[in-house]
């Protein structure tokens, strides 16, 4: 009976080992696919950001290049938002002045009408 239990335990461990090996192969395949997808993504990012920097040169795009390009785009985006905010403030200020001038013109017209 002890021998049967040992055989059963051994068989169970073999099944577990085969399952672990199968999972390891699946994980290795997934890691390889993820690496390929990352390379493809980096190349596409660089092609969109700077077509001359990727693809046409035939060189692999480094993560640092992608990071720098994304940082540059982010900085430009931040500057655009700042410019937009400043222009909104200026527009608001001009509209306020325009309303003030319009109000003054109305007061002036009313004063002229009263004088006439």
PDB file of N, CA and C in Angstrom:
ATOM      1  N   UNK A   1       0.828  -1.199   0.000  1.00  0.00           N
ATOM      2  CA  UNK A   1       0.000   0.000   0.000  1.00  0.00           C
ATOM      3  C   UNK A   1       0.875   1.266   0.000  1.00  0.00           C
ATOM      4  N   UNK A   2       1.963   1.243   0.778  1.00  0.00           N
ATOM      5  CA  UNK A   2       2.884   2.376   0.820  1.00  0.00           C
ATOM      6  C   UNK A   2       3.481   2.611  -0.556  1.00  0.00           C
ATOM      7  N   UNK A   3       3.775   1.528  -1.266  1.00  0.00           N
ATOM      8  CA  UNK A   3       4.342   1.646  -2.612  1.00  0.00           C
ATOM      9  C   UNK A   3       3.325   2.289  -3.554  1.00  0.00           C
ATOM     10  N   UNK A   4       2.071   1.907  -3.434  1.00  0.00           N
ATOM     11  CA  UNK A   4       1.010   2.491  -4.264  1.00  0.00           C
ATOM     12  C   UNK A   4       0.857   3.988  -3.977  1.00  0.00           C
ATOM     13  N   UNK A   5       0.943   4.354  -2.698  1.00  0.00           N
ATOM     14  CA  UNK A   5       0.839   5.759  -2.319  1.00  0.00           C
ATOM     15  C   UNK A   5       2.011   6.557  -2.869  1.00  0.00           C
ATOM     16  N   UNK A   6       3.210   5.964  -2.810  1.00  0.00           N
ATOM     17  CA  UNK A   6       4.395   6.627  -3.369  1.00  0.00           C
ATOM     18  C   UNK A   6       4.259   6.809  -4.874  1.00  0.00           C
ATOM     19  N   UNK A   7       3.767   5.774  -5.551  1.00  0.00           N
ATOM     20  CA  UNK A   7       3.579   5.872  -7.006  1.00  0.00           C
ATOM     21  C   UNK A   7       2.551   6.961  -7.344  1.00  0.00           C
ATOM     22  N   UNK A   8       1.496   6.990  -6.566  1.00  0.00           N
ATOM     23  CA  UNK A   8       0.459   7.999  -6.808  1.00  0.00           C
ATOM     24  C   UNK A   8       1.022   9.405  -6.561  1.00  0.00           C
ATOM     25  N   UNK A   9       1.779   9.554  -5.486  1.00  0.00           N
ATOM     26  CA  UNK A   9       2.381  10.853  -5.182  1.00  0.00           C
ATOM     27  C   UNK A   9       3.363  11.238  -6.272  1.00  0.00           C
ATOM     28  N   UNK A  10       4.164  10.280  -6.716  1.00  0.00           N
ATOM     29  CA  UNK A  10       5.136  10.526  -7.782  1.00  0.00           C
ATOM     30  C   UNK A  10       4.418  10.937  -9.066  1.00  0.00           C
ATOM     31  N   UNK A  11       3.354  10.232  -9.381  1.00  0.00           N
ATOM     32  CA  UNK A  11       2.587  10.538 -10.582  1.00  0.00           C
ATOM     33  C   UNK A  11       1.990  11.946 -10.482  1.00  0.00           C
ATOM     34  N   UNK A  12       1.475  12.288  -9.316  1.00  0.00           N
ATOM     35  CA  UNK A  12       0.912  13.610  -9.092  1.00  0.00           C
ATOM     36  C   UNK A  12       1.981  14.687  -9.272  1.00  0.00           C
ATOM     37  N   UNK A  13       3.163  14.445  -8.726  1.00  0.00           N
ATOM     38  CA  UNK A  13       4.254  15.420  -8.860  1.00  0.00           C
ATOM     39  C   UNK A  13       4.692  15.560 -10.307  1.00  0.00           C
ATOM     40  N   UNK A  14       4.709  14.471 -11.049  1.00  0.00           N
ATOM     41  CA  UNK A  14       5.060  14.547 -12.473  1.00  0.00           C
ATOM     42  C   UNK A  14       4.043  15.390 -13.238  1.00  0.00           C
ATOM     43  N   UNK A  15       2.749  15.182 -12.923  1.00  0.00           N
ATOM     44  CA  UNK A  15       1.702  15.983 -13.585  1.00  0.00           C
ATOM     45  C   UNK A  15       1.884  17.463 -13.243  1.00  0.00           C
ATOM     46  N   UNK A  16       2.161  17.735 -11.985  1.00  0.00           N
ATOM     47  CA  UNK A  16       2.372  19.127 -11.567  1.00  0.00           C
ATOM     48  C   UNK A  16       3.586  19.730 -12.269  1.00  0.00           C
ATOM     49  N   UNK A  17       4.650  18.944 -12.379  1.00  0.00           N
ATOM     50  CA  UNK A  17       5.866  19.421 -13.048  1.00  0.00           C
ATOM     51  C   UNK A  17       5.585  19.716 -14.519  1.00  0.00           C
ATOM     52  N   UNK A  18       4.870  18.805 -15.197  1.00  0.00           N
ATOM     53  CA  UNK A  18       4.523  19.036 -16.617  1.00  0.00           C
ATOM     54  C   UNK A  18       3.660  20.300 -16.762  1.00  0.00           C
ATOM     55  N   UNK A  19       2.718  20.475 -15.826  1.00  0.00           N
ATOM     56  CA  UNK A  19       1.866  21.671 -15.866  1.00  0.00           C
ATOM     57  C   UNK A  19       2.701  22.932 -15.656  1.00  0.00           C
ATOM     58  N   UNK A  20       3.645  22.893 -14.735  1.00  0.00           N
ATOM     59  CA  UNK A  20       4.524  24.040 -14.491  1.00  0.00           C
ATOM     60  C   UNK A  20       5.370  24.333 -15.718  1.00  0.00           C
ATOM     61  N   UNK A  21       5.880  23.288 -16.373  1.00  0.00           N
ATOM     62  CA  UNK A  21       6.679  23.485 -17.587  1.00  0.00           C
ATOM     63  C   UNK A  21       5.822  24.109 -18.698  1.00  0.00           C
ATOM     64  N   UNK A  22       4.577  23.636 -18.812  1.00  0.00           N
ATOM     65  CA  UNK A  22       3.669  24.195 -19.821  1.00  0.00           C
ATOM     66  C   UNK A  22       3.410  25.675 -19.537  1.00  0.00           C
ATOM     67  N   UNK A  23       3.168  26.004 -18.271  1.00  0.00           N
ATOM     68  CA  UNK A  23       2.937  27.405 -17.906  1.00  0.00           C
ATOM     69  C   UNK A  23       4.175  28.253 -18.161  1.00  0.00           C
ATOM     70  N   UNK A  24       5.345  27.692 -17.875  1.00  0.00           N
ATOM     71  CA  UNK A  24       6.586  28.437 -18.110  1.00  0.00           C
ATOM     72  C   UNK A  24       6.750  28.745 -19.591  1.00  0.00           C
ATOM     73  N   UNK A  25       6.448  27.761 -20.455  1.00  0.00           N
ATOM     74  CA  UNK A  25       6.538  28.009 -21.903  1.00  0.00           C
ATOM     75  C   UNK A  25       5.547  29.088 -22.330  1.00  0.00           C
ATOM     76  N   UNK A  26       4.331  29.044 -21.772  1.00  0.00           N
ATOM     77  CA  UNK A  26       3.339  30.066 -22.090  1.00  0.00           C
ATOM     78  C   UNK A  26       3.803  31.450 -21.643  1.00  0.00           C
ATOM     79  N   UNK A  27       4.378  31.514 -20.445  1.00  0.00           N
ATOM     80  CA  UNK A  27       4.887  32.787 -19.940  1.00  0.00           C
ATOM     81  C   UNK A  27       6.036  33.308 -20.794  1.00  0.00           C
ATOM     82  N   UNK A  28       6.934  32.420 -21.178  1.00  0.00           N
ATOM     83  CA  UNK A  28       8.052  32.839 -22.028  1.00  0.00           C
ATOM     84  C   UNK A  28       7.536  33.386 -23.352  1.00  0.00           C
ATOM     85  N   UNK A  29       6.539  32.715 -23.896  1.00  0.00           N
ATOM     86  CA  UNK A  29       5.948  33.179 -25.149  1.00  0.00           C
ATOM     87  C   UNK A  29       5.289  34.545 -24.955  1.00  0.00           C
ATOM     88  N   UNK A  30       4.579  34.708 -23.844  1.00  0.00           N
ATOM     89  CA  UNK A  30       3.921  35.989 -23.563  1.00  0.00           C
ATOM     90  C   UNK A  30       4.939  37.106 -23.381  1.00  0.00           C
ATOM     91  N   UNK A  31       6.050  36.806 -22.692  1.00  0.00           N
ATOM     92  CA  UNK A  31       7.108  37.804 -22.491  1.00  0.00           C
ATOM     93  C   UNK A  31       7.713  38.201 -23.831  1.00  0.00           C
ATOM     94  N   UNK A  32       7.947  37.223 -24.682  1.00  0.00           N
ATOM     95  CA  UNK A  32       8.511  37.509 -26.004  1.00  0.00           C
ATOM     96  C   UNK A  32       7.546  38.376 -26.811  1.00  0.00           C
ATOM     97  N   UNK A  33       6.257  38.033 -26.785  1.00  0.00           N
ATOM     98  CA  UNK A  33       5.259  38.831 -27.501  1.00  0.00           C
ATOM     99  C   UNK A  33       5.206  40.251 -26.965  1.00  0.00           C
ATOM    100  N   UNK A  34       5.250  40.394 -25.645  1.00  0.00           N
ATOM    101  CA  UNK A  34       5.205  41.725 -25.034  1.00  0.00           C
ATOM    102  C   UNK A  34       6.418  42.543 -25.465  1.00  0.00           C
ATOM    103  N   UNK A  35       7.579  41.907 -25.520  1.00  0.00           N
ATOM    104  CA  UNK A  35       8.788  42.604 -25.972  1.00  0.00           C
ATOM    105  C   UNK A  35       8.662  43.073 -27.411  1.00  0.00           C
ATOM    106  N   UNK A  36       8.112  42.222 -28.251  1.00  0.00           N
ATOM    107  CA  UNK A  36       7.912  42.593 -29.654  1.00  0.00           C
ATOM    108  C   UNK A  36       6.900  43.723 -29.775  1.00  0.00           C
ATOM    109  N   UNK A  37       5.841  43.656 -28.979  1.00  0.00           N
ATOM    110  CA  UNK A  37       4.841  44.722 -29.000  1.00  0.00           C
ATOM    111  C   UNK A  37       5.435  46.036 -28.518  1.00  0.00           C
ATOM    112  N   UNK A  38       6.293  45.974 -27.501  1.00  0.00           N
ATOM    113  CA  UNK A  38       6.938  47.181 -26.995  1.00  0.00           C
ATOM    114  C   UNK A  38       7.812  47.804 -28.069  1.00  0.00           C
ATOM    115  N   UNK A  39       8.602  46.988 -28.749  1.00  0.00           N
ATOM    116  CA  UNK A  39       9.456  47.504 -29.833  1.00  0.00           C
ATOM    117  C   UNK A  39       8.603  48.150 -30.914  1.00  0.00           C
ATOM    118  N   UNK A  40       7.514  47.477 -31.279  1.00  0.00           N
ATOM    119  CA  UNK A  40       6.622  48.012 -32.305  1.00  0.00           C
ATOM    120  C   UNK A  40       6.017  49.333 -31.845  1.00  0.00           C
ATOM    121  N   UNK A  41       5.588  49.386 -30.577  1.00  0.00           N
ATOM    122  CA  UNK A  41       4.998  50.610 -30.034  1.00  0.00           C
ATOM    123  C   UNK A  41       6.010  51.749 -30.024  1.00  0.00           C
ATOM    124  N   UNK A  42       7.237  51.450 -29.567  1.00  0.00           N
ATOM    125  CA  UNK A  42       8.270  52.491 -29.534  1.00  0.00           C
ATOM    126  C   UNK A  42       8.524  53.030 -30.936  1.00  0.00           C
ATOM    127  N   UNK A  43       8.603  52.139 -31.904  1.00  0.00           N
ATOM    128  CA  UNK A  43       8.865  52.570 -33.272  1.00  0.00           C
ATOM    129  C   UNK A  43       7.717  53.421 -33.793  1.00  0.00           C
ATOM    130  N   UNK A  44       6.473  52.991 -33.504  1.00  0.00           N
ATOM    131  CA  UNK A  44       5.320  53.780 -33.967  1.00  0.00           C
ATOM    132  C   UNK A  44       5.287  55.149 -33.306  1.00  0.00           C
ATOM    133  N   UNK A  45       5.591  55.203 -32.007  1.00  0.00           N
ATOM    134  CA  UNK A  45       5.613  56.496 -31.305  1.00  0.00           C
ATOM    135  C   UNK A  45       6.629  57.411 -31.968  1.00  0.00           C
ATOM    136  N   UNK A  46       7.811  56.888 -32.226  1.00  0.00           N
ATOM    137  CA  UNK A  46       8.855  57.717 -32.827  1.00  0.00           C
ATOM    138  C   UNK A  46       8.492  58.116 -34.257  1.00  0.00           C
ATOM    139  N   UNK A  47       7.823  57.233 -34.996  1.00  0.00           N
ATOM    140  CA  UNK A  47       7.422  57.589 -36.353  1.00  0.00           C
ATOM    141  C   UNK A  47       6.392  58.700 -36.337  1.00  0.00           C
ATOM    142  N   UNK A  48       5.485  58.644 -35.377  1.00  0.00           N
ATOM    143  CA  UNK A  48       4.470  59.691 -35.269  1.00  0.00           C
ATOM    144  C   UNK A  48       5.113  60.996 -34.818  1.00  0.00           C
ATOM    145  N   UNK A  49       6.013  60.889 -33.833  1.00  0.00           N
ATOM    146  CA  UNK A  49       6.629  62.087 -33.271  1.00  0.00           C
ATOM    147  C   UNK A  49       7.675  62.688 -34.197  1.00  0.00           C
ATOM    148  N   UNK A  50       8.431  61.846 -34.812  1.00  0.00           N
ATOM    149  CA  UNK A  50       9.520  62.310 -35.653  1.00  0.00           C
ATOM    150  C   UNK A  50       9.819  61.245 -36.704  1.00  0.00           C
ATOM    151  N   UNK A  51       9.161  61.313 -37.856  1.00  0.00           N
ATOM    152  CA  UNK A  51       9.313  60.272 -38.874  1.00  0.00           C
ATOM    153  C   UNK A  51      10.761  59.990 -39.277  1.00  0.00           C
ATOM    154  N   UNK A  52      11.610  60.986 -39.222  1.00  0.00           N
ATOM    155  CA  UNK A  52      12.995  60.760 -39.632  1.00  0.00           C
ATOM    156  C   UNK A  52      13.779  60.004 -38.561  1.00  0.00           C
ATOM    157  N   UNK A  53      13.256  59.950 -37.333  1.00  0.00           N
ATOM    158  CA  UNK A  53      13.988  59.318 -36.232  1.00  0.00           C
ATOM    159  C   UNK A  53      13.808  57.815 -36.195  1.00  0.00           C
ATOM    160  N   UNK A  54      12.769  57.299 -36.814  1.00  0.00           N
ATOM    161  CA  UNK A  54      12.513  55.867 -36.730  1.00  0.00           C
ATOM    162  C   UNK A  54      12.040  55.338 -38.079  1.00  0.00           C
ATOM    163  N   UNK A  55      12.275  54.067 -38.267  1.00  0.00           N
ATOM    164  CA  UNK A  55      11.784  53.421 -39.472  1.00  0.00           C
ATOM    165  C   UNK A  55      12.652  53.687 -40.678  1.00  0.00           C
ATOM    166  N   UNK A  56      12.825  54.919 -41.020  1.00  0.00           N
ATOM    167  CA  UNK A  56      13.580  55.244 -42.231  1.00  0.00           C
ATOM    168  C   UNK A  56      15.071  54.993 -42.045  1.00  0.00           C
ATOM    169  N   UNK A  57      15.544  55.084 -40.807  1.00  0.00           N
ATOM    170  CA  UNK A  57      16.970  54.867 -40.566  1.00  0.00           C
ATOM    171  C   UNK A  57      17.289  53.391 -40.433  1.00  0.00           C
ATOM    172  N   UNK A  58      16.255  52.570 -40.139  1.00  0.00           N
ATOM    173  CA  UNK A  58      16.464  51.150 -39.977  1.00  0.00           C
ATOM    174  C   UNK A  58      17.025  50.787 -38.618  1.00  0.00           C
ATOM    175  N   UNK A  59      17.255  51.765 -37.769  1.00  0.00           N
ATOM    176  CA  UNK A  59      17.809  51.508 -36.442  1.00  0.00           C
ATOM    177  C   UNK A  59      16.685  51.258 -35.454  1.00  0.00           C
ATOM    178  N   UNK A  60      16.980  50.487 -34.438  1.00  0.00           N
ATOM    179  CA  UNK A  60      16.017  50.251 -33.370  1.00  0.00           C
ATOM    180  C   UNK A  60      15.910  51.503 -32.513  1.00  0.00           C
ATOM    181  N   UNK A  61      14.705  51.809 -32.116  1.00  0.00           N
ATOM    182  CA  UNK A  61      14.453  52.997 -31.301  1.00  0.00           C
ATOM    183  C   UNK A  61      14.678  52.626 -29.832  1.00  0.00           C
ATOM    184  N   UNK A  62      15.433  53.446 -29.137  1.00  0.00           N
ATOM    185  CA  UNK A  62      15.692  53.158 -27.728  1.00  0.00           C
ATOM    186  C   UNK A  62      14.570  53.717 -26.862  1.00  0.00           C
ATOM    187  N   UNK A  63      14.426  53.135 -25.683  1.00  0.00           N
ATOM    188  CA  UNK A  63      13.420  53.619 -24.744  1.00  0.00           C
ATOM    189  C   UNK A  63      13.701  55.073 -24.383  1.00  0.00           C
ATOM    190  N   UNK A  64      14.966  55.421 -24.264  1.00  0.00           N
ATOM    191  CA  UNK A  64      15.335  56.794 -23.906  1.00  0.00           C
ATOM    192  C   UNK A  64      14.862  57.781 -24.974  1.00  0.00           C
ATOM    193  N   UNK A  65      14.980  57.391 -26.245  1.00  0.00           N
ATOM    194  CA  UNK A  65      14.512  58.261 -27.321  1.00  0.00           C
ATOM    195  C   UNK A  65      13.010  58.478 -27.220  1.00  0.00           C
ATOM    196  N   UNK A  66      12.283  57.395 -26.948  1.00  0.00           N
ATOM    197  CA  UNK A  66      10.830  57.504 -26.821  1.00  0.00           C
ATOM    198  C   UNK A  66      10.478  58.391 -25.633  1.00  0.00           C
ATOM    199  N   UNK A  67      11.154  58.170 -24.501  1.00  0.00           N
ATOM    200  CA  UNK A  67      10.891  58.961 -23.296  1.00  0.00           C
ATOM    201  C   UNK A  67      11.156  60.434 -23.558  1.00  0.00           C
ATOM    202  N   UNK A  68      12.278  60.736 -24.195  1.00  0.00           N
ATOM    203  CA  UNK A  68      12.619  62.134 -24.490  1.00  0.00           C
ATOM    204  C   UNK A  68      11.583  62.763 -25.418  1.00  0.00           C
ATOM    205  N   UNK A  69      11.157  62.023 -26.424  1.00  0.00           N
ATOM    206  CA  UNK A  69      10.184  62.563 -27.366  1.00  0.00           C
ATOM    207  C   UNK A  69       8.843  62.805 -26.678  1.00  0.00           C
ATOM    208  N   UNK A  70       8.415  61.860 -25.851  1.00  0.00           N
ATOM    209  CA  UNK A  70       7.160  62.034 -25.118  1.00  0.00           C
ATOM    210  C   UNK A  70       7.269  63.214 -24.159  1.00  0.00           C
ATOM    211  N   UNK A  71       8.432  63.342 -23.502  1.00  0.00           N
ATOM    212  CA  UNK A  71       8.646  64.475 -22.587  1.00  0.00           C
ATOM    213  C   UNK A  71       8.583  65.793 -23.366  1.00  0.00           C
ATOM    214  N   UNK A  72       9.199  65.811 -24.534  1.00  0.00           N
ATOM    215  CA  UNK A  72       9.186  67.022 -25.362  1.00  0.00           C
ATOM    216  C   UNK A  72       7.752  67.389 -25.754  1.00  0.00           C
ATOM    217  N   UNK A  73       6.985  66.394 -26.164  1.00  0.00           N
ATOM    218  CA  UNK A  73       5.595  66.643 -26.545  1.00  0.00           C
ATOM    219  C   UNK A  73       4.799  67.127 -25.346  1.00  0.00           C
ATOM    220  N   UNK A  74       5.052  66.524 -24.200  1.00  0.00           N
ATOM    221  CA  UNK A  74       4.365  66.936 -22.973  1.00  0.00           C
ATOM    222  C   UNK A  74       4.694  68.382 -22.630  1.00  0.00           C
ATOM    223  N   UNK A  75       5.968  68.756 -22.746  1.00  0.00           N
ATOM    224  CA  UNK A  75       6.372  70.141 -22.480  1.00  0.00           C
ATOM    225  C   UNK A  75       5.694  71.111 -23.444  1.00  0.00           C
ATOM    226  N   UNK A  76       5.666  70.739 -24.718  1.00  0.00           N
ATOM    227  CA  UNK A  76       5.022  71.592 -25.714  1.00  0.00           C
ATOM    228  C   UNK A  76       3.532  71.729 -25.413  1.00  0.00           C
ATOM    229  N   UNK A  77       2.922  70.639 -24.988  1.00  0.00           N
ATOM    230  CA  UNK A  77       1.509  70.667 -24.635  1.00  0.00           C
ATOM    231  C   UNK A  77       1.270  71.596 -23.448  1.00  0.00           C
ATOM    232  N   UNK A  78       2.154  71.509 -22.455  1.00  0.00           N
ATOM    233  CA  UNK A  78       2.052  72.381 -21.269  1.00  0.00           C
ATOM    234  C   UNK A  78       2.174  73.851 -21.687  1.00  0.00           C
ATOM    235  N   UNK A  79       3.136  74.141 -22.558  1.00  0.00           N
ATOM    236  CA  UNK A  79       3.317  75.516 -23.026  1.00  0.00           C
ATOM    237  C   UNK A  79       2.083  76.001 -23.785  1.00  0.00           C
ATOM    238  N   UNK A  80       1.487  75.119 -24.579  1.00  0.00           N
ATOM    239  CA  UNK A  80       0.278  75.493 -25.315  1.00  0.00           C
ATOM    240  C   UNK A  80      -0.859  75.821 -24.357  1.00  0.00           C
ATOM    241  N   UNK A  81      -0.982  75.018 -23.312  1.00  0.00           N
ATOM    242  CA  UNK A  81      -2.025  75.287 -22.317  1.00  0.00           C
ATOM    243  C   UNK A  81      -1.781  76.618 -21.622  1.00  0.00           C
ATOM    244  N   UNK A  82      -0.529  76.912 -21.310  1.00  0.00           N
ATOM    245  CA  UNK A  82      -0.196  78.198 -20.675  1.00  0.00           C
ATOM    246  C   UNK A  82      -0.537  79.360 -21.598  1.00  0.00           C
ATOM    247  N   UNK A  83      -0.173  79.224 -22.877  1.00  0.00           N
ATOM    248  CA  UNK A  83      -0.503  80.277 -23.854  1.00  0.00           C
ATOM    249  C   UNK A  83      -2.017  80.455 -23.961  1.00  0.00           C
ATOM    250  N   UNK A  84      -2.728  79.331 -24.004  1.00  0.00           N
ATOM    251  CA  UNK A  84      -4.184  79.391 -24.095  1.00  0.00           C
ATOM    252  C   UNK A  84      -4.771  80.101 -22.866  1.00  0.00           C
ATOM    253  N   UNK A  85      -4.251  79.766 -21.680  1.00  0.00           N
ATOM    254  CA  UNK A  85      -4.733  80.398 -20.451  1.00  0.00           C
ATOM    255  C   UNK A  85      -4.478  81.901 -20.485  1.00  0.00           C
ATOM    256  N   UNK A  86      -3.275  82.295 -20.921  1.00  0.00           N
ATOM    257  CA  UNK A  86      -2.948  83.722 -21.010  1.00  0.00           C
ATOM    258  C   UNK A  86      -3.833  84.446 -22.020  1.00  0.00           C
ATOM    259  N   UNK A  87      -4.080  83.804 -23.149  1.00  0.00           N
ATOM    260  CA  UNK A  87      -4.955  84.412 -24.156  1.00  0.00           C
ATOM    261  C   UNK A  87      -6.386  84.541 -23.630  1.00  0.00           C
ATOM    262  N   UNK A  88      -6.835  83.536 -22.860  1.00  0.00           N
ATOM    263  CA  UNK A  88      -8.172  83.620 -22.262  1.00  0.00           C
ATOM    264  C   UNK A  88      -8.259  84.799 -21.295  1.00  0.00           C
ATOM    265  N   UNK A  89      -7.203  84.972 -20.492  1.00  0.00           N
ATOM    266  CA  UNK A  89      -7.177  86.102 -19.551  1.00  0.00           C
ATOM    267  C   UNK A  89      -7.217  87.426 -20.308  1.00  0.00           C
ATOM    268  N   UNK A  90      -6.401  87.513 -21.365  1.00  0.00           N
ATOM    269  CA  UNK A  90      -6.354  88.745 -22.159  1.00  0.00           C
ATOM    270  C   UNK A  90      -7.709  89.022 -22.805  1.00  0.00           C
ATOM    271  N   UNK A  91      -8.332  87.980 -23.336  1.00  0.00           N
ATOM    272  CA  UNK A  91      -9.643  88.134 -23.956  1.00  0.00           C
ATOM    273  C   UNK A  91     -10.674  88.594 -22.927  1.00  0.00           C
ATOM    274  N   UNK A  92     -10.633  87.980 -21.772  1.00  0.00           N
ATOM    275  CA  UNK A  92     -11.554  88.358 -20.702  1.00  0.00           C
ATOM    276  C   UNK A  92     -11.356  89.819 -20.305  1.00  0.00           C
ATOM    277  N   UNK A  93     -10.098  90.229 -20.192  1.00  0.00           N
ATOM    278  CA  UNK A  93      -9.784  91.612 -19.841  1.00  0.00           C
ATOM    279  C   UNK A  93     -10.303  92.569 -20.907  1.00  0.00           C
ATOM    280  N   UNK A  94     -10.091  92.218 -22.167  1.00  0.00           N
ATOM    281  CA  UNK A  94     -10.558  93.086 -23.252  1.00  0.00           C
ATOM    282  C   UNK A  94     -12.081  93.168 -23.287  1.00  0.00           C
ATOM    283  N   UNK A  95     -12.741  92.048 -23.028  1.00  0.00           N
ATOM    284  CA  UNK A  95     -14.206  92.066 -23.006  1.00  0.00           C
ATOM    285  C   UNK A  95     -14.718  92.952 -21.875  1.00  0.00           C
ATOM    286  N   UNK A  96     -14.056  92.878 -20.734  1.00  0.00           N
ATOM    287  CA  UNK A  96     -14.437  93.736 -19.601  1.00  0.00           C
ATOM    288  C   UNK A  96     -14.270  95.201 -19.969  1.00  0.00           C
ATOM    289  N   UNK A  97     -13.150  95.531 -20.590  1.00  0.00           N
ATOM    290  CA  UNK A  97     -12.908  96.921 -21.009  1.00  0.00           C
ATOM    291  C   UNK A  97     -13.942  97.353 -22.043  1.00  0.00           C
ATOM    292  N   UNK A  98     -14.261  96.436 -22.967  1.00  0.00           N
ATOM    293  CA  UNK A  98     -15.237  96.764 -24.007  1.00  0.00           C
ATOM    294  C   UNK A  98     -16.612  97.048 -23.387  1.00  0.00           C
ATOM    295  N   UNK A  99     -16.994  96.229 -22.400  1.00  0.00           N
ATOM    296  CA  UNK A  99     -18.276  96.458 -21.711  1.00  0.00           C
ATOM    297  C   UNK A  99     -18.255  97.800 -20.983  1.00  0.00           C
ATOM    298  N   UNK A 100     -17.128  98.086 -20.376  1.00  0.00           N
ATOM    299  CA  UNK A 100     -16.983  99.362 -19.658  1.00  0.00           C
ATOM    300  C   UNK A 100     -17.126 100.536 -20.621  1.00  0.00           C
ATOM    301  N   UNK A 101     -16.434 100.434 -21.769  1.00  0.00           N
ATOM    302  CA  UNK A 101     -16.501 101.499 -22.775  1.00  0.00           C
ATOM    303  C   UNK A 101     -17.929 101.613 -23.308  1.00  0.00           C
ATOM    304  N   UNK A 102     -18.578 100.470 -23.561  1.00  0.00           N
ATOM    305  CA  UNK A 102     -19.967 100.497 -24.048  1.00  0.00           C
ATOM    306  C   UNK A 102     -20.873 101.166 -23.026  1.00  0.00           C
ATOM    307  N   UNK A 103     -20.661 100.837 -21.752  1.00  0.00           N
ATOM    308  CA  UNK A 103     -21.440 101.486 -20.689  1.00  0.00           C
ATOM    309  C   UNK A 103     -21.212 102.978 -20.668  1.00  0.00           C
ATOM    310  N   UNK A 104     -19.952 103.396 -20.818  1.00  0.00           N
ATOM    311  CA  UNK A 104     -19.625 104.823 -20.842  1.00  0.00           C
ATOM    312  C   UNK A 104     -20.268 105.514 -22.043  1.00  0.00           C
ATOM    313  N   UNK A 105     -20.285 104.825 -23.171  1.00  0.00           N
ATOM    314  CA  UNK A 105     -20.907 105.396 -24.376  1.00  0.00           C
ATOM    315  C   UNK A 105     -22.401 105.581 -24.134  1.00  0.00           C
ATOM    316  N   UNK A 106     -23.032 104.590 -23.506  1.00  0.00           N
ATOM    317  CA  UNK A 106     -24.465 104.706 -23.212  1.00  0.00           C
ATOM    318  C   UNK A 106     -24.724 105.903 -22.295  1.00  0.00           C
ATOM    319  N   UNK A 107     -23.889 106.044 -21.266  1.00  0.00           N
ATOM    320  CA  UNK A 107     -24.032 107.181 -20.343  1.00  0.00           C
ATOM    321  C   UNK A 107     -23.846 108.479 -21.118  1.00  0.00           C
ATOM    322  N   UNK A 108     -22.855 108.519 -21.999  1.00  0.00           N
ATOM    323  CA  UNK A 108     -22.588 109.706 -22.803  1.00  0.00           C
ATOM    324  C   UNK A 108     -23.773 110.025 -23.715  1.00  0.00           C
ATOM    325  N   UNK A 109     -24.347 108.982 -24.365  1.00  0.00           N
ATOM    326  CA  UNK A 109     -25.501 109.191 -25.238  1.00  0.00           C
ATOM    327  C   UNK A 109     -26.671 109.736 -24.445  1.00  0.00           C
ATOM    328  N   UNK A 110     -26.906 109.136 -23.303  1.00  0.00           N
ATOM    329  CA  UNK A 110     -28.020 109.612 -22.458  1.00  0.00           C
ATOM    330  C   UNK A 110     -27.806 111.060 -22.037  1.00  0.00           C
ATOM    331  N   UNK A 111     -26.568 111.379 -21.685  1.00  0.00           N
ATOM    332  CA  UNK A 111     -26.259 112.768 -21.280  1.00  0.00           C
ATOM    333  C   UNK A 111     -26.487 113.702 -22.437  1.00  0.00           C
ATOM    334  N   UNK A 112     -26.076 113.312 -23.640  1.00  0.00           N
ATOM    335  CA  UNK A 112     -26.280 114.151 -24.839  1.00  0.00           C
ATOM    336  C   UNK A 112     -27.764 114.349 -25.115  1.00  0.00           C
ATOM    337  N   UNK A 113     -28.535 113.283 -24.993  1.00  0.00           N
ATOM    338  CA  UNK A 113     -29.974 113.383 -25.243  1.00  0.00           C
ATOM    339  C   UNK A 113     -30.630 114.350 -24.227  1.00  0.00           C
ATOM    340  N   UNK A 114     -30.189 114.275 -22.992  1.00  0.00           N
ATOM    341  CA  UNK A 114     -30.757 115.159 -21.969  1.00  0.00           C
ATOM    342  C   UNK A 114     -30.396 116.619 -22.256  1.00  0.00           C
ATOM    343  N   UNK A 115     -29.155 116.809 -22.764  1.00  0.00           N
ATOM    344  CA  UNK A 115     -28.726 118.168 -23.074  1.00  0.00           C
ATOM    345  C   UNK A 115     -29.496 118.739 -24.259  1.00  0.00           C
ATOM    346  N   UNK A 116     -29.862 117.902 -25.179  1.00  0.00           N
ATOM    347  CA  UNK A 116     -30.565 118.382 -26.382  1.00  0.00           C
ATOM    348  C   UNK A 116     -32.004 118.631 -26.002  1.00  0.00           C
TER     349      UNK A 116
END
